[in-house]
PDB file of N, CA and C in Angstrom:
ATOM      1  N   UNK A   1     123.284 153.595 129.868  1.00  0.00           N
ATOM      2  CA  UNK A   1     122.693 153.452 128.527  1.00  0.00           C
ATOM      3  C   UNK A   1     121.180 153.619 128.716  1.00  0.00           C
ATOM      4  N   UNK A   2     120.634 154.279 127.751  1.00  0.00           N
ATOM      5  CA  UNK A   2     119.195 154.569 127.844  1.00  0.00           C
ATOM      6  C   UNK A   2     118.408 153.316 127.396  1.00  0.00           C
ATOM      7  N   UNK A   3     117.183 153.196 127.904  1.00  0.00           N
ATOM      8  CA  UNK A   3     116.347 152.011 127.610  1.00  0.00           C
ATOM      9  C   UNK A   3     116.083 151.880 126.093  1.00  0.00           C
ATOM     10  N   UNK A   4     116.027 152.971 125.341  1.00  0.00           N
ATOM     11  CA  UNK A   4     115.786 152.904 123.891  1.00  0.00           C
ATOM     12  C   UNK A   4     116.944 152.251 123.210  1.00  0.00           C
ATOM     13  N   UNK A   5     118.174 152.558 123.610  1.00  0.00           N
ATOM     14  CA  UNK A   5     119.353 152.018 122.961  1.00  0.00           C
ATOM     15  C   UNK A   5     119.398 150.478 123.245  1.00  0.00           C
ATOM     16  N   UNK A   6     119.194 150.093 124.503  1.00  0.00           N
ATOM     17  CA  UNK A   6     119.163 148.673 124.867  1.00  0.00           C
ATOM     18  C   UNK A   6     118.110 147.923 124.065  1.00  0.00           C
ATOM     19  N   UNK A   7     116.894 148.527 123.922  1.00  0.00           N
ATOM     20  CA  UNK A   7     115.843 147.899 123.158  1.00  0.00           C
ATOM     21  C   UNK A   7     116.287 147.745 121.707  1.00  0.00           C
ATOM     22  N   UNK A   8     116.924 148.763 121.134  1.00  0.00           N
ATOM     23  CA  UNK A   8     117.373 148.712 119.740  1.00  0.00           C
ATOM     24  C   UNK A   8     118.444 147.641 119.528  1.00  0.00           C
ATOM     25  N   UNK A   9     119.363 147.540 120.499  1.00  0.00           N
ATOM     26  CA  UNK A   9     120.423 146.531 120.399  1.00  0.00           C
ATOM     27  C   UNK A   9     119.836 145.109 120.479  1.00  0.00           C
ATOM     28  N   UNK A  10     118.909 144.909 121.418  1.00  0.00           N
ATOM     29  CA  UNK A  10     118.233 143.585 121.568  1.00  0.00           C
ATOM     30  C   UNK A  10     117.470 143.231 120.323  1.00  0.00           C
ATOM     31  N   UNK A  11     116.707 144.225 119.790  1.00  0.00           N
ATOM     32  CA  UNK A  11     115.942 143.991 118.564  1.00  0.00           C
ATOM     33  C   UNK A  11     116.857 143.669 117.411  1.00  0.00           C
ATOM     34  N   UNK A  12     117.968 144.346 117.284  1.00  0.00           N
ATOM     35  CA  UNK A  12     118.910 144.096 116.221  1.00  0.00           C
ATOM     36  C   UNK A  12     119.522 142.717 116.334  1.00  0.00           C
ATOM     37  N   UNK A  13     119.899 142.337 117.573  1.00  0.00           N
ATOM     38  CA  UNK A  13     120.519 141.012 117.790  1.00  0.00           C
ATOM     39  C   UNK A  13     119.523 139.901 117.506  1.00  0.00           C
ATOM     40  N   UNK A  14     118.290 140.078 117.947  1.00  0.00           N
ATOM     41  CA  UNK A  14     117.242 139.069 117.676  1.00  0.00           C
ATOM     42  C   UNK A  14     117.000 138.959 116.166  1.00  0.00           C
ATOM     43  N   UNK A  15     116.959 140.071 115.497  1.00  0.00           N
ATOM     44  CA  UNK A  15     116.762 140.072 114.047  1.00  0.00           C
ATOM     45  C   UNK A  15     117.910 139.369 113.319  1.00  0.00           C
ATOM     46  N   UNK A  16     119.109 139.663 113.787  1.00  0.00           N
ATOM     47  CA  UNK A  16     120.289 139.022 113.169  1.00  0.00           C
ATOM     48  C   UNK A  16     120.280 137.499 113.341  1.00  0.00           C
ATOM     49  N   UNK A  17     119.976 137.105 114.602  1.00  0.00           N
ATOM     50  CA  UNK A  17     119.965 135.651 114.907  1.00  0.00           C
ATOM     51  C   UNK A  17     118.834 134.923 114.178  1.00  0.00           C
ATOM     52  N   UNK A  18     117.635 135.463 114.155  1.00  0.00           N
ATOM     53  CA  UNK A  18     116.525 134.838 113.378  1.00  0.00           C
ATOM     54  C   UNK A  18     116.792 134.809 111.908  1.00  0.00           C
ATOM     55  N   UNK A  19     117.383 135.850 111.390  1.00  0.00           N
ATOM     56  CA  UNK A  19     117.754 135.855 109.966  1.00  0.00           C
ATOM     57  C   UNK A  19     118.764 134.811 109.605  1.00  0.00           C
ATOM     58  N   UNK A  20     119.814 134.661 110.501  1.00  0.00           N
ATOM     59  CA  UNK A  20     120.807 133.630 110.279  1.00  0.00           C
ATOM     60  C   UNK A  20     120.222 132.280 110.343  1.00  0.00           C
ATOM     61  N   UNK A  21     119.385 132.019 111.385  1.00  0.00           N
ATOM     62  CA  UNK A  21     118.757 130.699 111.512  1.00  0.00           C
ATOM     63  C   UNK A  21     117.846 130.436 110.323  1.00  0.00           C
ATOM     64  N   UNK A  22     117.080 131.390 109.933  1.00  0.00           N
ATOM     65  CA  UNK A  22     116.206 131.219 108.746  1.00  0.00           C
ATOM     66  C   UNK A  22     116.936 130.888 107.491  1.00  0.00           C
ATOM     67  N   UNK A  23     118.079 131.542 107.282  1.00  0.00           N
ATOM     68  CA  UNK A  23     118.860 131.264 106.080  1.00  0.00           C
ATOM     69  C   UNK A  23     119.500 129.923 106.098  1.00  0.00           C
ATOM     70  N   UNK A  24     119.670 129.378 107.305  1.00  0.00           N
ATOM     71  CA  UNK A  24     120.262 127.983 107.420  1.00  0.00           C
ATOM     72  C   UNK A  24     119.179 126.926 107.359  1.00  0.00           C
ATOM     73  N   UNK A  25     118.041 127.207 108.008  1.00  0.00           N
ATOM     74  CA  UNK A  25     116.978 126.199 108.134  1.00  0.00           C
ATOM     75  C   UNK A  25     116.174 126.071 106.850  1.00  0.00           C
ATOM     76  N   UNK A  26     115.915 127.204 106.167  1.00  0.00           N
ATOM     77  CA  UNK A  26     115.025 127.171 104.964  1.00  0.00           C
ATOM     78  C   UNK A  26     115.552 126.232 103.872  1.00  0.00           C
ATOM     79  N   UNK A  27     116.843 126.316 103.521  1.00  0.00           N
ATOM     80  CA  UNK A  27     117.338 125.352 102.509  1.00  0.00           C
ATOM     81  C   UNK A  27     117.263 123.904 102.936  1.00  0.00           C
ATOM     82  N   UNK A  28     117.475 123.635 104.209  1.00  0.00           N
ATOM     83  CA  UNK A  28     117.378 122.298 104.724  1.00  0.00           C
ATOM     84  C   UNK A  28     115.980 121.782 104.640  1.00  0.00           C
ATOM     85  N   UNK A  29     115.004 122.573 104.985  1.00  0.00           N
ATOM     86  CA  UNK A  29     113.592 122.205 104.915  1.00  0.00           C
ATOM     87  C   UNK A  29     113.203 121.999 103.430  1.00  0.00           C
ATOM     88  N   UNK A  30     113.631 122.847 102.571  1.00  0.00           N
ATOM     89  CA  UNK A  30     113.351 122.773 101.144  1.00  0.00           C
ATOM     90  C   UNK A  30     113.958 121.491 100.593  1.00  0.00           C
ATOM     91  N   UNK A  31     115.158 121.147 101.000  1.00  0.00           N
ATOM     92  CA  UNK A  31     115.795 119.922 100.552  1.00  0.00           C
ATOM     93  C   UNK A  31     114.996 118.702 100.995  1.00  0.00           C
ATOM     94  N   UNK A  32     114.506 118.711 102.271  1.00  0.00           N
ATOM     95  CA  UNK A  32     113.694 117.618 102.740  1.00  0.00           C
ATOM     96  C   UNK A  32     112.419 117.435 101.974  1.00  0.00           C
ATOM     97  N   UNK A  33     111.775 118.511 101.680  1.00  0.00           N
ATOM     98  CA  UNK A  33     110.532 118.457 100.888  1.00  0.00           C
ATOM     99  C   UNK A  33     110.806 117.960  99.450  1.00  0.00           C
ATOM    100  N   UNK A  34     111.863 118.430  98.844  1.00  0.00           N
ATOM    101  CA  UNK A  34     112.270 117.976  97.483  1.00  0.00           C
ATOM    102  C   UNK A  34     112.616 116.476  97.508  1.00  0.00           C
ATOM    103  N   UNK A  35     113.285 116.042  98.537  1.00  0.00           N
ATOM    104  CA  UNK A  35     113.651 114.627  98.673  1.00  0.00           C
ATOM    105  C   UNK A  35     112.388 113.751  98.730  1.00  0.00           C
ATOM    106  N   UNK A  36     111.427 114.160  99.575  1.00  0.00           N
ATOM    107  CA  UNK A  36     110.156 113.397  99.635  1.00  0.00           C
ATOM    108  C   UNK A  36     109.403 113.400  98.280  1.00  0.00           C
ATOM    109  N   UNK A  37     109.405 114.544  97.603  1.00  0.00           N
ATOM    110  CA  UNK A  37     108.711 114.636  96.302  1.00  0.00           C
ATOM    111  C   UNK A  37     109.346 113.653  95.273  1.00  0.00           C
ATOM    112  N   UNK A  38     110.705 113.646  95.201  1.00  0.00           N
ATOM    113  CA  UNK A  38     111.401 112.770  94.278  1.00  0.00           C
ATOM    114  C   UNK A  38     111.127 111.309  94.625  1.00  0.00           C
ATOM    115  N   UNK A  39     111.095 110.980  95.943  1.00  0.00           N
ATOM    116  CA  UNK A  39     110.828 109.610  96.361  1.00  0.00           C
ATOM    117  C   UNK A  39     109.438 109.183  95.929  1.00  0.00           C
ATOM    118  N   UNK A  40     108.486 110.084  96.106  1.00  0.00           N
ATOM    119  CA  UNK A  40     107.096 109.780  95.703  1.00  0.00           C
ATOM    120  C   UNK A  40     107.014 109.594  94.181  1.00  0.00           C
ATOM    121  N   UNK A  41     107.660 110.433  93.423  1.00  0.00           N
ATOM    122  CA  UNK A  41     107.666 110.337  91.977  1.00  0.00           C
ATOM    123  C   UNK A  41     108.298 109.029  91.518  1.00  0.00           C
ATOM    124  N   UNK A  42     109.429 108.653  92.129  1.00  0.00           N
ATOM    125  CA  UNK A  42     110.092 107.418  91.796  1.00  0.00           C
ATOM    126  C   UNK A  42     109.183 106.188  92.095  1.00  0.00           C
ATOM    127  N   UNK A  43     108.564 106.215  93.253  1.00  0.00           N
ATOM    128  CA  UNK A  43     107.675 105.114  93.577  1.00  0.00           C
ATOM    129  C   UNK A  43     106.466 105.031  92.664  1.00  0.00           C
ATOM    130  N   UNK A  44     105.905 106.177  92.308  1.00  0.00           N
ATOM    131  CA  UNK A  44     104.771 106.190  91.349  1.00  0.00           C
ATOM    132  C   UNK A  44     105.220 105.644  90.001  1.00  0.00           C
ATOM    133  N   UNK A  45     106.394 105.958  89.561  1.00  0.00           N
ATOM    134  CA  UNK A  45     106.924 105.470  88.291  1.00  0.00           C
ATOM    135  C   UNK A  45     107.084 103.947  88.332  1.00  0.00           C
ATOM    136  N   UNK A  46     107.586 103.436  89.440  1.00  0.00           N
ATOM    137  CA  UNK A  46     107.745 101.984  89.603  1.00  0.00           C
ATOM    138  C   UNK A  46     106.372 101.325  89.502  1.00  0.00           C
ATOM    139  N   UNK A  47     105.389 101.822  90.232  1.00  0.00           N
ATOM    140  CA  UNK A  47     104.063 101.250  90.182  1.00  0.00           C
ATOM    141  C   UNK A  47     103.490 101.248  88.812  1.00  0.00           C
ATOM    142  N   UNK A  48     103.669 102.351  88.098  1.00  0.00           N
ATOM    143  CA  UNK A  48     103.138 102.407  86.721  1.00  0.00           C
ATOM    144  C   UNK A  48     103.830 101.382  85.839  1.00  0.00           C
ATOM    145  N   UNK A  49     105.142 101.206  85.997  1.00  0.00           N
ATOM    146  CA  UNK A  49     105.859 100.279  85.193  1.00  0.00           C
ATOM    147  C   UNK A  49     105.383  98.782  85.511  1.00  0.00           C
ATOM    148  N   UNK A  50     105.181  98.491  86.748  1.00  0.00           N
ATOM    149  CA  UNK A  50     104.719  97.178  87.128  1.00  0.00           C
ATOM    150  C   UNK A  50     103.329  96.906  86.598  1.00  0.00           C
ATOM    151  N   UNK A  51     102.482  97.923  86.655  1.00  0.00           N
ATOM    152  CA  UNK A  51     101.102  97.773  86.117  1.00  0.00           C
ATOM    153  C   UNK A  51     101.209  97.548  84.589  1.00  0.00           C
ATOM    154  N   UNK A  52     102.060  98.247  83.912  1.00  0.00           N
ATOM    155  CA  UNK A  52     102.217  98.064  82.471  1.00  0.00           C
ATOM    156  C   UNK A  52     102.664  96.654  82.096  1.00  0.00           C
ATOM    157  N   UNK A  53     103.573  96.131  82.904  1.00  0.00           N
ATOM    158  CA  UNK A  53     104.068  94.763  82.618  1.00  0.00           C
ATOM    159  C   UNK A  53     102.982  93.702  82.779  1.00  0.00           C
ATOM    160  N   UNK A  54     102.187  93.834  83.836  1.00  0.00           N
ATOM    161  CA  UNK A  54     101.137  92.807  84.035  1.00  0.00           C
ATOM    162  C   UNK A  54      99.887  93.080  83.172  1.00  0.00           C
ATOM    163  N   UNK A  55      99.800  94.264  82.586  1.00  0.00           N
ATOM    164  CA  UNK A  55      98.656  94.571  81.747  1.00  0.00           C
ATOM    165  C   UNK A  55      98.815  93.986  80.352  1.00  0.00           C
ATOM    166  N   UNK A  56      99.970  93.417  80.040  1.00  0.00           N
ATOM    167  CA  UNK A  56     100.203  92.862  78.712  1.00  0.00           C
ATOM    168  C   UNK A  56      99.217  91.707  78.512  1.00  0.00           C
ATOM    169  N   UNK A  57      98.489  91.692  77.361  1.00  0.00           N
ATOM    170  CA  UNK A  57      97.450  90.659  77.122  1.00  0.00           C
ATOM    171  C   UNK A  57      98.088  89.267  77.062  1.00  0.00           C
ATOM    172  N   UNK A  58      99.403  89.200  76.750  1.00  0.00           N
ATOM    173  CA  UNK A  58     100.067  87.912  76.683  1.00  0.00           C
ATOM    174  C   UNK A  58     100.886  87.677  77.967  1.00  0.00           C
ATOM    175  N   UNK A  59     100.340  88.087  79.110  1.00  0.00           N
ATOM    176  CA  UNK A  59     101.036  87.973  80.363  1.00  0.00           C
ATOM    177  C   UNK A  59     101.456  86.565  80.600  1.00  0.00           C
ATOM    178  N   UNK A  60     102.676  86.415  81.039  1.00  0.00           N
ATOM    179  CA  UNK A  60     103.282  85.150  81.337  1.00  0.00           C
ATOM    180  C   UNK A  60     104.210  85.320  82.571  1.00  0.00           C
ATOM    181  N   UNK A  61     104.090  84.388  83.504  1.00  0.00           N
ATOM    182  CA  UNK A  61     104.890  84.448  84.724  1.00  0.00           C
ATOM    183  C   UNK A  61     106.377  84.451  84.387  1.00  0.00           C
ATOM    184  N   UNK A  62     106.780  83.639  83.423  1.00  0.00           N
ATOM    185  CA  UNK A  62     108.204  83.566  83.073  1.00  0.00           C
ATOM    186  C   UNK A  62     108.757  84.868  82.563  1.00  0.00           C
ATOM    187  N   UNK A  63     107.943  85.544  81.721  1.00  0.00           N
ATOM    188  CA  UNK A  63     108.391  86.833  81.177  1.00  0.00           C
ATOM    189  C   UNK A  63     108.492  87.856  82.317  1.00  0.00           C
ATOM    190  N   UNK A  64     107.537  87.776  83.224  1.00  0.00           N
ATOM    191  CA  UNK A  64     107.587  88.726  84.381  1.00  0.00           C
ATOM    192  C   UNK A  64     108.804  88.576  85.202  1.00  0.00           C
ATOM    193  N   UNK A  65     109.177  87.272  85.461  1.00  0.00           N
ATOM    194  CA  UNK A  65     110.365  87.013  86.257  1.00  0.00           C
ATOM    195  C   UNK A  65     111.662  87.434  85.603  1.00  0.00           C
ATOM    196  N   UNK A  66     111.624  87.480  84.242  1.00  0.00           N
ATOM    197  CA  UNK A  66     112.831  87.887  83.531  1.00  0.00           C
ATOM    198  C   UNK A  66     112.826  89.421  83.188  1.00  0.00           C
ATOM    199  N   UNK A  67     111.745  90.104  83.477  1.00  0.00           N
ATOM    200  CA  UNK A  67     111.619  91.518  83.158  1.00  0.00           C
ATOM    201  C   UNK A  67     112.565  92.311  84.098  1.00  0.00           C
ATOM    202  N   UNK A  68     113.210  93.331  83.536  1.00  0.00           N
ATOM    203  CA  UNK A  68     114.194  94.120  84.370  1.00  0.00           C
ATOM    204  C   UNK A  68     113.563  94.747  85.617  1.00  0.00           C
ATOM    205  N   UNK A  69     112.283  95.099  85.584  1.00  0.00           N
ATOM    206  CA  UNK A  69     111.675  95.751  86.730  1.00  0.00           C
ATOM    207  C   UNK A  69     111.321  94.742  87.826  1.00  0.00           C
ATOM    208  N   UNK A  70     111.325  93.476  87.543  1.00  0.00           N
ATOM    209  CA  UNK A  70     110.993  92.500  88.591  1.00  0.00           C
ATOM    210  C   UNK A  70     111.955  92.571  89.757  1.00  0.00           C
ATOM    211  N   UNK A  71     113.181  92.940  89.493  1.00  0.00           N
ATOM    212  CA  UNK A  71     114.170  93.095  90.551  1.00  0.00           C
ATOM    213  C   UNK A  71     113.794  94.154  91.589  1.00  0.00           C
ATOM    214  N   UNK A  72     113.060  95.148  91.145  1.00  0.00           N
ATOM    215  CA  UNK A  72     112.619  96.200  92.040  1.00  0.00           C
ATOM    216  C   UNK A  72     111.355  95.785  92.833  1.00  0.00           C
ATOM    217  N   UNK A  73     110.594  94.842  92.234  1.00  0.00           N
ATOM    218  CA  UNK A  73     109.361  94.408  92.879  1.00  0.00           C
ATOM    219  C   UNK A  73     109.596  93.275  93.854  1.00  0.00           C
ATOM    220  N   UNK A  74     110.505  92.372  93.530  1.00  0.00           N
ATOM    221  CA  UNK A  74     110.730  91.164  94.330  1.00  0.00           C
ATOM    222  C   UNK A  74     110.934  91.391  95.832  1.00  0.00           C
ATOM    223  N   UNK A  75     111.790  92.334  96.200  1.00  0.00           N
ATOM    224  CA  UNK A  75     112.001  92.584  97.674  1.00  0.00           C
ATOM    225  C   UNK A  75     110.744  93.031  98.397  1.00  0.00           C
ATOM    226  N   UNK A  76     109.781  93.500  97.664  1.00  0.00           N
ATOM    227  CA  UNK A  76     108.529  94.012  98.303  1.00  0.00           C
ATOM    228  C   UNK A  76     107.418  92.943  98.338  1.00  0.00           C
ATOM    229  N   UNK A  77     107.634  91.853  97.646  1.00  0.00           N
ATOM    230  CA  UNK A  77     106.609  90.800  97.611  1.00  0.00           C
ATOM    231  C   UNK A  77     106.616  89.958  98.932  1.00  0.00           C
ATOM    232  N   UNK A  78     105.433  89.408  99.197  1.00  0.00           N
ATOM    233  CA  UNK A  78     105.307  88.568 100.412  1.00  0.00           C
ATOM    234  C   UNK A  78     105.975  87.212 100.108  1.00  0.00           C
ATOM    235  N   UNK A  79     106.267  86.495 101.173  1.00  0.00           N
ATOM    236  CA  UNK A  79     106.913  85.176 100.999  1.00  0.00           C
ATOM    237  C   UNK A  79     106.003  84.246 100.153  1.00  0.00           C
ATOM    238  N   UNK A  80     104.729  84.289 100.415  1.00  0.00           N
ATOM    239  CA  UNK A  80     103.761  83.458  99.672  1.00  0.00           C
ATOM    240  C   UNK A  80     103.798  83.792  98.204  1.00  0.00           C
ATOM    241  N   UNK A  81     103.871  85.077  97.871  1.00  0.00           N
ATOM    242  CA  UNK A  81     103.906  85.451  96.450  1.00  0.00           C
ATOM    243  C   UNK A  81     105.186  84.984  95.776  1.00  0.00           C
ATOM    244  N   UNK A  82     106.287  85.137  96.455  1.00  0.00           N
ATOM    245  CA  UNK A  82     107.585  84.719  95.907  1.00  0.00           C
ATOM    246  C   UNK A  82     107.591  83.176  95.673  1.00  0.00           C
ATOM    247  N   UNK A  83     107.051  82.413  96.649  1.00  0.00           N
ATOM    248  CA  UNK A  83     106.977  80.973  96.462  1.00  0.00           C
ATOM    249  C   UNK A  83     106.117  80.584  95.267  1.00  0.00           C
ATOM    250  N   UNK A  84     104.959  81.246  95.153  1.00  0.00           N
ATOM    251  CA  UNK A  84     104.053  80.926  94.019  1.00  0.00           C
ATOM    252  C   UNK A  84     104.703  81.324  92.690  1.00  0.00           C
ATOM    253  N   UNK A  85     105.360  82.449  92.589  1.00  0.00           N
ATOM    254  CA  UNK A  85     105.924  82.899  91.312  1.00  0.00           C
ATOM    255  C   UNK A  85     107.166  82.114  90.938  1.00  0.00           C
ATOM    256  N   UNK A  86     107.901  81.591  91.906  1.00  0.00           N
ATOM    257  CA  UNK A  86     109.148  80.886  91.618  1.00  0.00           C
ATOM    258  C   UNK A  86     109.014  79.399  91.644  1.00  0.00           C
ATOM    259  N   UNK A  87     107.753  78.881  91.581  1.00  0.00           N
ATOM    260  CA  UNK A  87     107.555  77.472  91.522  1.00  0.00           C
ATOM    261  C   UNK A  87     108.072  76.922  90.167  1.00  0.00           C
ATOM    262  N   UNK A  88     108.355  75.623  90.085  1.00  0.00           N
ATOM    263  CA  UNK A  88     108.848  75.079  88.820  1.00  0.00           C
ATOM    264  C   UNK A  88     107.893  75.337  87.673  1.00  0.00           C
ATOM    265  N   UNK A  89     108.454  75.578  86.492  1.00  0.00           N
ATOM    266  CA  UNK A  89     107.620  75.839  85.309  1.00  0.00           C
ATOM    267  C   UNK A  89     106.866  74.593  84.916  1.00  0.00           C
ATOM    268  N   UNK A  90     105.612  74.754  84.540  1.00  0.00           N
ATOM    269  CA  UNK A  90     104.749  73.699  84.096  1.00  0.00           C
ATOM    270  C   UNK A  90     104.962  73.461  82.561  1.00  0.00           C
ATOM    271  N   UNK A  91     104.968  72.213  82.156  1.00  0.00           N
ATOM    272  CA  UNK A  91     105.212  71.926  80.746  1.00  0.00           C
ATOM    273  C   UNK A  91     103.949  71.760  79.937  1.00  0.00           C
ATOM    274  N   UNK A  92     102.780  72.074  80.507  1.00  0.00           N
ATOM    275  CA  UNK A  92     101.521  72.018  79.776  1.00  0.00           C
ATOM    276  C   UNK A  92     101.451  73.173  78.789  1.00  0.00           C
ATOM    277  N   UNK A  93     101.091  72.887  77.569  1.00  0.00           N
ATOM    278  CA  UNK A  93     100.955  73.947  76.552  1.00  0.00           C
ATOM    279  C   UNK A  93      99.463  74.268  76.388  1.00  0.00           C
ATOM    280  N   UNK A  94      99.139  75.518  76.522  1.00  0.00           N
ATOM    281  CA  UNK A  94      97.773  75.962  76.357  1.00  0.00           C
ATOM    282  C   UNK A  94      97.680  76.860  75.112  1.00  0.00           C
ATOM    283  N   UNK A  95      96.763  76.584  74.241  1.00  0.00           N
ATOM    284  CA  UNK A  95      96.771  77.291  72.966  1.00  0.00           C
ATOM    285  C   UNK A  95      95.822  78.496  72.877  1.00  0.00           C
ATOM    286  N   UNK A  96      94.814  78.554  73.692  1.00  0.00           N
ATOM    287  CA  UNK A  96      93.885  79.669  73.609  1.00  0.00           C
ATOM    288  C   UNK A  96      93.694  80.354  74.930  1.00  0.00           C
ATOM    289  N   UNK A  97      93.752  81.669  74.928  1.00  0.00           N
ATOM    290  CA  UNK A  97      93.459  82.467  76.149  1.00  0.00           C
ATOM    291  C   UNK A  97      94.370  82.205  77.294  1.00  0.00           C
ATOM    292  N   UNK A  98      94.030  82.851  78.389  1.00  0.00           N
ATOM    293  CA  UNK A  98      94.848  82.765  79.594  1.00  0.00           C
ATOM    294  C   UNK A  98      94.347  81.553  80.441  1.00  0.00           C
ATOM    295  N   UNK A  99      95.269  80.666  80.808  1.00  0.00           N
ATOM    296  CA  UNK A  99      94.866  79.526  81.647  1.00  0.00           C
ATOM    297  C   UNK A  99      94.644  79.979  83.101  1.00  0.00           C
ATOM    298  N   UNK A 100      94.019  79.133  83.893  1.00  0.00           N
ATOM    299  CA  UNK A 100      93.747  79.477  85.274  1.00  0.00           C
ATOM    300  C   UNK A 100      95.026  79.719  86.092  1.00  0.00           C
ATOM    301  N   UNK A 101      96.127  79.043  85.789  1.00  0.00           N
ATOM    302  CA  UNK A 101      97.362  79.278  86.486  1.00  0.00           C
ATOM    303  C   UNK A 101      97.883  80.663  86.221  1.00  0.00           C
ATOM    304  N   UNK A 102      97.864  81.064  84.946  1.00  0.00           N
ATOM    305  CA  UNK A 102      98.369  82.412  84.594  1.00  0.00           C
ATOM    306  C   UNK A 102      97.449  83.452  85.220  1.00  0.00           C
ATOM    307  N   UNK A 103      96.166  83.179  85.230  1.00  0.00           N
ATOM    308  CA  UNK A 103      95.225  84.160  85.874  1.00  0.00           C
ATOM    309  C   UNK A 103      95.493  84.250  87.357  1.00  0.00           C
ATOM    310  N   UNK A 104      95.841  83.147  88.016  1.00  0.00           N
ATOM    311  CA  UNK A 104      96.152  83.160  89.468  1.00  0.00           C
ATOM    312  C   UNK A 104      97.419  83.968  89.683  1.00  0.00           C
ATOM    313  N   UNK A 105      98.434  83.803  88.798  1.00  0.00           N
ATOM    314  CA  UNK A 105      99.665  84.596  88.943  1.00  0.00           C
ATOM    315  C   UNK A 105      99.393  86.074  88.743  1.00  0.00           C
ATOM    316  N   UNK A 106      98.585  86.370  87.748  1.00  0.00           N
ATOM    317  CA  UNK A 106      98.237  87.775  87.425  1.00  0.00           C
ATOM    318  C   UNK A 106      97.485  88.385  88.627  1.00  0.00           C
ATOM    319  N   UNK A 107      96.525  87.675  89.154  1.00  0.00           N
ATOM    320  CA  UNK A 107      95.756  88.158  90.331  1.00  0.00           C
ATOM    321  C   UNK A 107      96.652  88.418  91.535  1.00  0.00           C
ATOM    322  N   UNK A 108      97.564  87.462  91.734  1.00  0.00           N
ATOM    323  CA  UNK A 108      98.509  87.584  92.853  1.00  0.00           C
ATOM    324  C   UNK A 108      99.327  88.834  92.708  1.00  0.00           C
ATOM    325  N   UNK A 109      99.892  89.051  91.523  1.00  0.00           N
ATOM    326  CA  UNK A 109     100.724  90.215  91.301  1.00  0.00           C
ATOM    327  C   UNK A 109      99.912  91.507  91.391  1.00  0.00           C
ATOM    328  N   UNK A 110      98.709  91.531  90.913  1.00  0.00           N
ATOM    329  CA  UNK A 110      97.821  92.718  91.025  1.00  0.00           C
ATOM    330  C   UNK A 110      97.630  93.047  92.474  1.00  0.00           C
ATOM    331  N   UNK A 111      97.349  92.032  93.283  1.00  0.00           N
ATOM    332  CA  UNK A 111      97.108  92.203  94.731  1.00  0.00           C
ATOM    333  C   UNK A 111      98.398  92.716  95.411  1.00  0.00           C
ATOM    334  N   UNK A 112      99.533  92.135  95.078  1.00  0.00           N
ATOM    335  CA  UNK A 112     100.779  92.561  95.697  1.00  0.00           C
ATOM    336  C   UNK A 112     101.127  93.979  95.345  1.00  0.00           C
ATOM    337  N   UNK A 113     100.949  94.335  94.070  1.00  0.00           N
ATOM    338  CA  UNK A 113     101.265  95.725  93.634  1.00  0.00           C
ATOM    339  C   UNK A 113     100.319  96.711  94.321  1.00  0.00           C
ATOM    340  N   UNK A 114      99.050  96.343  94.456  1.00  0.00           N
ATOM    341  CA  UNK A 114      98.081  97.212  95.124  1.00  0.00           C
ATOM    342  C   UNK A 114      98.473  97.368  96.598  1.00  0.00           C
ATOM    343  N   UNK A 115      98.939  96.284  97.243  1.00  0.00           N
ATOM    344  CA  UNK A 115      99.370  96.408  98.646  1.00  0.00           C
ATOM    345  C   UNK A 115     100.539  97.345  98.786  1.00  0.00           C
ATOM    346  N   UNK A 116     101.490  97.220  97.922  1.00  0.00           N
ATOM    347  CA  UNK A 116     102.713  98.064  97.967  1.00  0.00           C
ATOM    348  C   UNK A 116     102.282  99.551  97.745  1.00  0.00           C
ATOM    349  N   UNK A 117     101.371  99.726  96.794  1.00  0.00           N
ATOM    350  CA  UNK A 117     100.875 101.066  96.486  1.00  0.00           C
ATOM    351  C   UNK A 117     100.222 101.691  97.730  1.00  0.00           C
ATOM    352  N   UNK A 118      99.435 100.896  98.475  1.00  0.00           N
ATOM    353  CA  UNK A 118      98.792 101.385  99.678  1.00  0.00           C
ATOM    354  C   UNK A 118      99.831 101.710 100.742  1.00  0.00           C
ATOM    355  N   UNK A 119     100.791 100.765 100.912  1.00  0.00           N
ATOM    356  CA  UNK A 119     101.831 100.994 101.904  1.00  0.00           C
ATOM    357  C   UNK A 119     102.624 102.260 101.668  1.00  0.00           C
ATOM    358  N   UNK A 120     102.873 102.533 100.381  1.00  0.00           N
ATOM    359  CA  UNK A 120     103.636 103.730 100.010  1.00  0.00           C
ATOM    360  C   UNK A 120     102.787 105.001 100.063  1.00  0.00           C
ATOM    361  N   UNK A 121     101.509 104.878 100.309  1.00  0.00           N
ATOM    362  CA  UNK A 121     100.597 106.009 100.381  1.00  0.00           C
ATOM    363  C   UNK A 121     100.334 106.662  99.038  1.00  0.00           C
ATOM    364  N   UNK A 122     100.317 105.889  97.974  1.00  0.00           N
ATOM    365  CA  UNK A 122     100.102 106.404  96.670  1.00  0.00           C
ATOM    366  C   UNK A 122      98.656 106.261  96.188  1.00  0.00           C
ATOM    367  N   UNK A 123      97.814 105.672  97.026  1.00  0.00           N
ATOM    368  CA  UNK A 123      96.396 105.538  96.658  1.00  0.00           C
ATOM    369  C   UNK A 123      95.618 106.406  97.549  1.00  0.00           C
TER     370      UNK A 123
END
């Protein structure tokens, strides 16, 4: 066999193999990128929802604990935050503005959400 024919056969085989590998690897890589994009979008949506809940001017710890999105936030909270938020309800009635306890709960949640946001690489 002449060297030109051997070179042509090797070039064809290499082209066939790389084409086959490319057609198998490209969709897999694309799926991985799409998966990461969806995960990032989902996390950003959760962060936005949590921010919206605590941005309510009538913020109340009890309403937060009963909100449907709290279930997604609770596993990400620190032990200290969970203990503070799940302490027994106080029977003191405050008629004007946000009391210091509500402000402490709000500050705690803002800090926890910011921490999660940093950990997820969304900031």
